[in-house]
Amino acid sequence: MDHELRRPSNHQDSITPASHPGHQPGANCQPLVLRISESYCLTDRPGKLQNLHMDIKEYLADRQTKVEQALESLLPPDSGPLTNHIEAMRYSLLAGGKRIRPILCLAAAEALSTSAEPLLPLACALECIHTYSLIHDDLPAMDDDDLRRGVPTSHKKFGEAAAILAGDGLLSLAFELLTSPLPDNPIRAEDRLRIVHNIAVAVGPRGMVGGQALDIEAEGPNRPTAKPLKLEELHRIHCYKTGALITAAVQTGAIAGGADQRQYAALSVYGQQIGLAFQIVDDLLDVTADSATLGRATGSDAARGKATYPALLGLEKTRSKATEAGVAAISALEIFDHHANPLRELARYIVSRKR
């Protein structure tokens, strides 16, 4: 039996890869009807995610440990003339976190029956970029947050100038890692170029940074008109600010794992939907969770007059939107066998997470 749902509005049947020069995250977002096969069924009724009986907590803990160990080994030592600068970089990068982006990268490669461990430098590059974005996002000129990952934010610990440079250092280190040889998994030069280009687009003006700019413009005091933000405008911000890098993380694993065109397109859809679900849940947790659980301040979106899914739709419709995106992500993996089960369970985890 097939279930019929409405696809979330950013689902695309034909994917415009992030490596395409004309790609814009969230472009061509058309609502389509989605039919979900039960051959790898994660739903027992429309809109409900079902457990695969895989221990996702164990999987996450194992991959988080591997990523943490790799980050520690790949970072420069905090000694010598740059001790203070390296210490600031290490402080934020090694402060914990879910490590979702590197884990998605590794899991995408595993879906293609490729060994993930040799790809850890690529996965760590994604975490460096994500952490750089958090450091800058927390600055007084941006979100002005005092707590991140349960510890004082970088600018609170080291000062604004040192925090800015720590973020800059992590972004630069990411591209050093992306372009360094992988002796245990030699990736063809053209594939390496695709990976670097995808990520560069995903973090630039057509991706994360552009999303940050739109997000700041949409805040209450900066809004050029008194009109509230429309849902499609909020969706565009989410596609750029959060979805682009998450999609690029999945695409990185796909390229490194040797995906063919059909597999790459399917994994790209998965990445887009998971990126959307992740940000929707983030909006939800800012309203429903406490700062001790999240490791950061809560209620800050409302305080700054930010448009969010709960503000526009209410809590229940927001939860439904997150579930729809998760189900659409899982459906995109129909062409893959059991090797993609970690990706399927990661979708379920992202939708149901409490932190």
Protein backbone atom coordinates (compact mmCIF):
# COMPACT_ATOMS: atom_id res chain seq x y z
CA MET A 1 0.00 0.00 0.00
CA ASP A 2 1.19 3.53 -0.77
CA HIS A 3 0.55 6.60 1.36
CA GLU A 4 -0.11 9.96 -0.25
CA LEU A 5 1.17 13.21 1.27
CA ARG A 6 1.81 16.73 0.10
CA ARG A 7 5.47 17.26 -0.44
CA PRO A 8 6.95 20.17 1.51
CA SER A 9 7.15 23.18 -0.75
CA ASN A 10 10.88 23.00 -1.39
CA HIS A 11 10.87 19.47 -2.85
CA GLN A 12 12.13 19.19 -6.42
CA ASP A 13 11.72 16.14 -8.66
CA SER A 14 14.65 17.19 -10.82
CA ILE A 15 17.46 18.51 -8.69
CA THR A 16 19.52 21.54 -9.55
CA PRO A 17 22.81 20.55 -7.89
CA ALA A 18 24.48 23.15 -5.72
CA SER A 19 27.47 22.90 -8.05
CA HIS A 20 25.47 24.41 -10.91
CA PRO A 21 26.44 28.08 -11.42
CA GLY A 22 22.80 29.15 -11.58
CA HIS A 23 21.66 27.21 -8.54
CA GLN A 24 19.80 29.12 -5.87
CA PRO A 25 18.69 27.21 -2.78
CA GLY A 26 14.94 27.03 -2.64
CA ALA A 27 14.47 27.88 -6.32
CA ASN A 28 11.68 26.08 -8.20
CA CYS A 29 9.94 25.09 -4.95
CA GLN A 30 6.72 23.50 -6.16
CA PRO A 31 4.25 21.50 -4.03
CA LEU A 32 4.02 18.00 -5.52
CA VAL A 33 2.21 14.82 -4.56
CA LEU A 34 4.53 12.28 -2.93
CA ARG A 35 3.92 8.54 -3.03
CA ILE A 36 5.83 6.63 -0.37
CA SER A 37 6.60 2.98 -1.05
CA GLU A 38 6.62 0.63 1.91
CA SER A 39 9.57 -1.45 0.66
CA TYR A 40 11.64 0.44 3.23
CA CYS A 41 8.65 1.82 5.06
CA LEU A 42 9.30 4.32 7.83
CA THR A 43 5.66 5.32 8.07
CA ASP A 44 2.76 3.34 9.46
CA ARG A 45 0.30 6.07 8.56
CA PRO A 46 0.57 9.34 6.62
CA GLY A 47 2.88 11.84 8.25
CA LYS A 48 4.11 9.47 10.99
CA LEU A 49 7.74 8.37 11.24
CA GLN A 50 8.36 4.78 12.27
CA ASN A 51 11.48 3.37 13.97
CA LEU A 52 13.67 0.98 11.96
CA HIS A 53 14.83 -0.75 15.15
CA MET A 54 18.31 0.59 14.53
CA ASP A 55 20.07 2.04 17.58
CA ILE A 56 20.56 5.57 16.28
CA LYS A 57 21.94 6.75 19.63
CA GLU A 58 24.69 4.16 19.44
CA TYR A 59 25.40 5.07 15.81
CA LEU A 60 25.55 8.78 16.63
CA ALA A 61 27.79 8.23 19.64
CA ASP A 62 30.22 6.15 17.57
CA ARG A 63 30.36 8.67 14.71
CA GLN A 64 30.59 11.62 17.10
CA THR A 65 33.59 9.98 18.80
CA LYS A 66 35.29 9.41 15.44
CA VAL A 67 34.65 13.01 14.38
CA GLU A 68 35.88 14.38 17.73
CA GLN A 69 39.10 12.35 17.50
CA ALA A 70 39.67 13.46 13.92
CA LEU A 71 39.06 17.13 14.76
CA GLU A 72 41.55 16.92 17.62
CA SER A 73 44.19 15.41 15.34
CA LEU A 74 43.59 17.77 12.41
CA LEU A 75 43.64 21.03 14.39
CA PRO A 76 46.95 22.85 14.81
CA PRO A 77 48.39 22.52 18.33
CA ASP A 78 47.78 25.49 20.63
CA SER A 79 51.45 26.28 21.12
CA GLY A 80 53.97 28.67 19.62
CA PRO A 81 53.40 32.27 18.54
CA LEU A 82 49.74 31.64 17.56
CA THR A 83 48.80 30.01 20.86
CA ASN A 84 45.97 32.44 21.67
CA HIS A 85 44.46 32.30 18.17
CA ILE A 86 44.59 28.49 17.96
CA GLU A 87 43.19 28.22 21.49
CA ALA A 88 40.18 30.30 20.43
CA MET A 89 39.65 28.09 17.36
CA ARG A 90 39.90 24.91 19.43
CA TYR A 91 37.66 26.27 22.19
CA SER A 92 34.59 26.53 19.96
CA LEU A 93 35.31 23.59 17.67
CA LEU A 94 35.94 21.10 20.47
CA ALA A 95 33.11 22.28 22.75
CA GLY A 96 30.90 19.38 21.74
CA GLY A 97 27.78 19.54 19.62
CA LYS A 98 25.71 17.06 17.65
CA ARG A 99 28.16 16.88 14.69
CA ILE A 100 25.16 16.34 12.40
CA ARG A 101 26.81 17.74 9.25
CA PRO A 102 29.91 15.54 9.32
CA ILE A 103 27.81 12.52 10.29
CA LEU A 104 25.44 13.12 7.36
CA CYS A 105 28.47 13.28 5.07
CA LEU A 106 29.79 9.95 6.36
CA ALA A 107 26.35 8.31 6.29
CA ALA A 108 25.79 9.38 2.66
CA ALA A 109 29.04 7.66 1.66
CA GLU A 110 28.01 4.57 3.66
CA ALA A 111 24.71 4.49 1.76
CA LEU A 112 26.86 3.82 -1.31
CA SER A 113 28.76 1.02 0.44
CA THR A 114 31.84 3.22 0.75
CA SER A 115 34.02 3.13 3.85
CA ALA A 116 33.41 6.34 5.78
CA GLU A 117 36.52 6.55 7.92
CA PRO A 118 38.92 7.72 5.17
CA LEU A 119 36.51 10.62 4.52
CA LEU A 120 36.80 12.07 8.03
CA PRO A 121 38.93 15.07 6.92
CA LEU A 122 36.12 16.09 4.52
CA ALA A 123 33.54 15.60 7.27
CA CYS A 124 35.65 17.63 9.71
CA ALA A 125 35.89 20.45 7.17
CA LEU A 126 32.10 20.73 7.27
CA GLU A 127 32.17 20.96 11.07
CA CYS A 128 34.83 23.69 10.90
CA ILE A 129 32.58 25.71 8.59
CA HIS A 130 29.54 25.16 10.80
CA THR A 131 31.45 26.22 13.93
CA TYR A 132 32.80 29.33 12.18
CA SER A 133 29.20 30.28 11.36
CA LEU A 134 28.15 29.81 14.99
CA ILE A 135 31.00 31.99 16.29
CA HIS A 136 30.04 34.82 13.94
CA ASP A 137 26.30 34.29 14.48
CA ASP A 138 26.78 34.78 18.24
CA LEU A 139 28.59 38.13 17.90
CA PRO A 140 26.98 41.29 19.32
CA ALA A 141 26.45 42.66 15.81
CA MET A 142 24.53 39.50 14.89
CA ASP A 143 22.48 37.53 17.45
CA ASP A 144 24.43 38.73 20.51
CA ASP A 145 24.31 35.40 22.36
CA ASP A 146 26.24 34.60 25.52
CA LEU A 147 25.96 30.80 25.55
CA ARG A 148 26.76 28.18 22.92
CA ARG A 149 27.06 24.40 23.38
CA GLY A 150 26.68 24.93 27.11
CA VAL A 151 29.70 27.24 27.50
CA PRO A 152 30.27 31.00 27.08
CA THR A 153 30.36 32.06 23.45
CA SER A 154 33.71 32.77 21.83
CA HIS A 155 33.47 36.56 22.04
CA LYS A 156 32.55 36.31 25.73
CA LYS A 157 35.60 34.16 26.40
CA PHE A 158 38.20 35.80 24.14
CA GLY A 159 36.76 39.15 23.02
CA GLU A 160 35.11 40.14 19.74
CA ALA A 161 38.25 40.56 17.61
CA ALA A 162 39.69 37.19 18.66
CA ALA A 163 36.33 35.51 18.05
CA ILE A 164 36.04 36.94 14.54
CA LEU A 165 39.55 35.74 13.72
CA ALA A 166 38.84 32.31 15.23
CA GLY A 167 35.87 31.96 12.88
CA ASP A 168 37.96 33.15 9.94
CA GLY A 169 40.65 30.63 10.88
CA LEU A 170 38.18 27.75 10.98
CA LEU A 171 36.71 28.67 7.59
CA SER A 172 40.18 28.76 6.05
CA LEU A 173 41.18 25.49 7.74
CA ALA A 174 38.09 23.86 6.25
CA PHE A 175 39.27 24.50 2.71
CA GLU A 176 42.76 23.31 3.63
CA LEU A 177 41.21 20.02 4.76
CA LEU A 178 38.99 19.79 1.67
CA THR A 179 41.96 20.11 -0.67
CA SER A 180 44.44 17.90 1.23
CA PRO A 181 45.15 14.40 -0.17
CA LEU A 182 43.20 11.45 1.21
CA PRO A 183 45.71 8.58 0.93
CA ASP A 184 43.18 5.87 1.90
CA ASN A 185 40.49 7.12 -0.48
CA PRO A 186 41.95 8.92 -3.49
CA ILE A 187 39.18 11.07 -4.95
CA ARG A 188 39.51 12.07 -8.58
CA ALA A 189 40.56 15.68 -9.11
CA GLU A 190 37.30 16.54 -10.89
CA ASP A 191 35.27 15.10 -8.02
CA ARG A 192 37.35 16.98 -5.47
CA LEU A 193 36.67 20.16 -7.44
CA ARG A 194 32.91 19.43 -7.39
CA ILE A 195 33.02 18.99 -3.61
CA VAL A 196 34.92 22.23 -3.04
CA HIS A 197 32.69 24.17 -5.42
CA ASN A 198 29.49 22.77 -3.88
CA ILE A 199 30.60 23.79 -0.41
CA ALA A 200 31.85 27.21 -1.51
CA VAL A 201 28.43 27.93 -3.06
CA ALA A 202 26.62 26.53 -0.01
CA VAL A 203 28.40 28.84 2.43
CA GLY A 204 28.47 32.00 0.30
CA PRO A 205 25.93 34.61 -0.85
CA ARG A 206 23.80 31.93 -2.55
CA GLY A 207 23.84 29.87 0.63
CA MET A 208 24.53 30.29 4.33
CA VAL A 209 25.90 33.84 4.31
CA GLY A 210 23.10 35.00 2.04
CA GLY A 211 20.61 33.38 4.39
CA GLN A 212 22.16 35.20 7.34
CA ALA A 213 21.82 38.49 5.46
CA LEU A 214 18.15 37.79 4.69
CA ASP A 215 17.58 36.74 8.30
CA ILE A 216 19.00 40.00 9.66
CA GLU A 217 16.96 42.06 7.18
CA ALA A 218 13.81 40.21 8.26
CA GLU A 219 14.22 40.97 11.97
CA GLY A 220 11.65 43.33 13.46
CA PRO A 221 13.72 46.58 13.62
CA ASN A 222 15.35 45.96 10.21
CA ARG A 223 12.21 45.04 8.28
CA PRO A 224 11.77 47.66 5.52
CA THR A 225 7.98 47.49 5.75
CA ALA A 226 5.56 46.75 8.55
CA LYS A 227 4.24 43.71 6.65
CA PRO A 228 4.95 40.39 8.38
CA LEU A 229 7.24 37.94 6.63
CA LYS A 230 5.40 35.50 4.37
CA LEU A 231 5.86 31.75 4.73
CA GLU A 232 7.64 31.49 1.37
CA GLU A 233 10.07 34.21 2.44
CA LEU A 234 10.82 32.37 5.67
CA HIS A 235 11.26 29.16 3.69
CA ARG A 236 13.81 30.90 1.46
CA ILE A 237 15.80 32.08 4.49
CA HIS A 238 15.85 28.54 5.89
CA CYS A 239 16.89 27.03 2.54
CA TYR A 240 19.86 29.39 2.39
CA LYS A 241 20.87 29.77 6.02
CA THR A 242 20.67 26.16 7.19
CA GLY A 243 19.62 23.92 4.33
CA ALA A 244 22.40 24.76 1.89
CA LEU A 245 25.29 23.52 4.07
CA ILE A 246 23.37 20.43 5.22
CA THR A 247 22.60 19.58 1.59
CA ALA A 248 26.25 20.13 0.68
CA ALA A 249 27.30 17.79 3.51
CA VAL A 250 25.16 14.99 2.06
CA GLN A 251 26.37 15.78 -1.47
CA THR A 252 29.99 15.65 -0.30
CA GLY A 253 29.48 12.11 0.96
CA ALA A 254 27.65 11.23 -2.24
CA ILE A 255 30.45 12.45 -4.50
CA ALA A 256 33.20 10.91 -2.35
CA GLY A 257 31.23 7.65 -2.30
CA GLY A 258 31.02 7.49 -6.09
CA ALA A 259 27.31 8.24 -6.56
CA ASP A 260 25.93 8.06 -10.07
CA GLN A 261 23.61 10.78 -11.36
CA ARG A 262 20.42 9.14 -10.04
CA GLN A 263 21.91 8.44 -6.62
CA TYR A 264 23.31 11.96 -6.38
CA ALA A 265 19.92 13.48 -7.24
CA ALA A 266 18.17 11.33 -4.63
CA LEU A 267 20.69 12.19 -1.92
CA SER A 268 20.40 15.87 -2.83
CA VAL A 269 16.63 15.72 -2.26
CA TYR A 270 17.28 14.00 1.05
CA GLY A 271 19.72 16.74 2.06
CA GLN A 272 17.32 19.53 1.13
CA GLN A 273 14.46 18.01 3.10
CA ILE A 274 16.61 17.21 6.13
CA GLY A 275 18.00 20.75 6.07
CA LEU A 276 14.47 22.13 6.10
CA ALA A 277 13.37 19.78 8.89
CA PHE A 278 16.43 20.68 10.97
CA GLN A 279 15.71 24.41 10.89
CA ILE A 280 11.99 23.98 11.50
CA VAL A 281 12.79 21.93 14.61
CA ASP A 282 15.34 24.56 15.66
CA ASP A 283 12.57 27.17 15.48
CA LEU A 284 10.34 24.90 17.53
CA LEU A 285 12.97 24.22 20.20
CA ASP A 286 13.64 27.94 20.63
CA VAL A 287 10.04 28.16 21.88
CA THR A 288 9.55 24.84 23.69
CA ALA A 289 12.96 23.83 25.13
CA ASP A 290 15.00 25.28 28.00
CA SER A 291 18.50 26.70 27.72
CA ALA A 292 20.01 23.98 29.93
CA THR A 293 18.85 21.31 27.47
CA LEU A 294 19.81 23.22 24.33
CA GLY A 295 23.11 24.61 25.62
CA ARG A 296 22.16 28.06 24.34
CA ALA A 297 19.69 30.82 25.11
CA THR A 298 16.06 30.14 24.21
CA GLY A 299 13.28 32.58 23.38
CA SER A 300 15.76 34.82 21.59
CA ASP A 301 13.98 34.59 18.22
CA ALA A 302 10.81 36.14 19.62
CA ALA A 303 12.80 38.74 21.57
CA ARG A 304 14.45 39.93 18.35
CA GLY A 305 11.20 39.91 16.40
CA LYS A 306 12.38 37.13 14.08
CA ALA A 307 9.90 35.37 11.85
CA THR A 308 9.82 31.65 12.66
CA TYR A 309 7.62 28.72 11.78
CA PRO A 310 5.93 28.69 15.21
CA ALA A 311 5.30 32.43 14.97
CA LEU A 312 3.67 32.07 11.55
CA LEU A 313 1.97 28.67 11.88
CA GLY A 314 1.69 27.82 15.56
CA LEU A 315 3.28 24.84 17.30
CA GLU A 316 1.16 21.99 15.94
CA LYS A 317 1.39 23.01 12.28
CA THR A 318 5.12 23.56 12.76
CA ARG A 319 5.51 20.00 14.08
CA SER A 320 3.54 18.74 11.08
CA LYS A 321 5.81 20.67 8.69
CA ALA A 322 8.88 19.11 10.27
CA THR A 323 7.39 15.62 9.99
CA GLU A 324 6.43 16.21 6.34
CA ALA A 325 10.00 17.19 5.53
CA GLY A 326 11.34 14.13 7.35
CA VAL A 327 8.99 11.79 5.49
CA ALA A 328 9.94 13.41 2.16
CA ALA A 329 13.63 12.93 2.99
CA ILE A 330 13.09 9.25 3.73
CA SER A 331 11.08 8.77 0.55
CA ALA A 332 14.00 10.15 -1.48
CA LEU A 333 16.06 7.14 -0.34
CA GLU A 334 13.78 4.52 -1.93
CA ILE A 335 16.43 3.54 -4.50
CA PHE A 336 18.91 2.62 -1.73
CA ASP A 337 19.12 -0.61 0.23
CA HIS A 338 19.81 -1.20 3.93
CA HIS A 339 23.13 0.66 3.71
CA ALA A 340 21.07 3.88 3.76
CA ASN A 341 19.32 2.97 7.03
CA PRO A 342 21.53 5.35 9.04
CA LEU A 343 20.30 8.20 6.83
CA ARG A 344 16.72 7.07 7.34
CA GLU A 345 17.11 6.96 11.10
CA LEU A 346 18.97 10.28 11.09
CA ALA A 347 15.88 11.80 9.47
CA ARG A 348 13.74 10.44 12.26
CA TYR A 349 16.21 11.66 14.88
CA ILE A 350 16.37 15.18 13.41
CA VAL A 351 12.57 15.52 13.41
CA SER A 352 12.13 14.18 16.96
CA ARG A 353 15.23 15.66 18.63
CA LYS A 354 14.91 17.60 21.88
CA ARG A 355 18.16 19.56 21.62
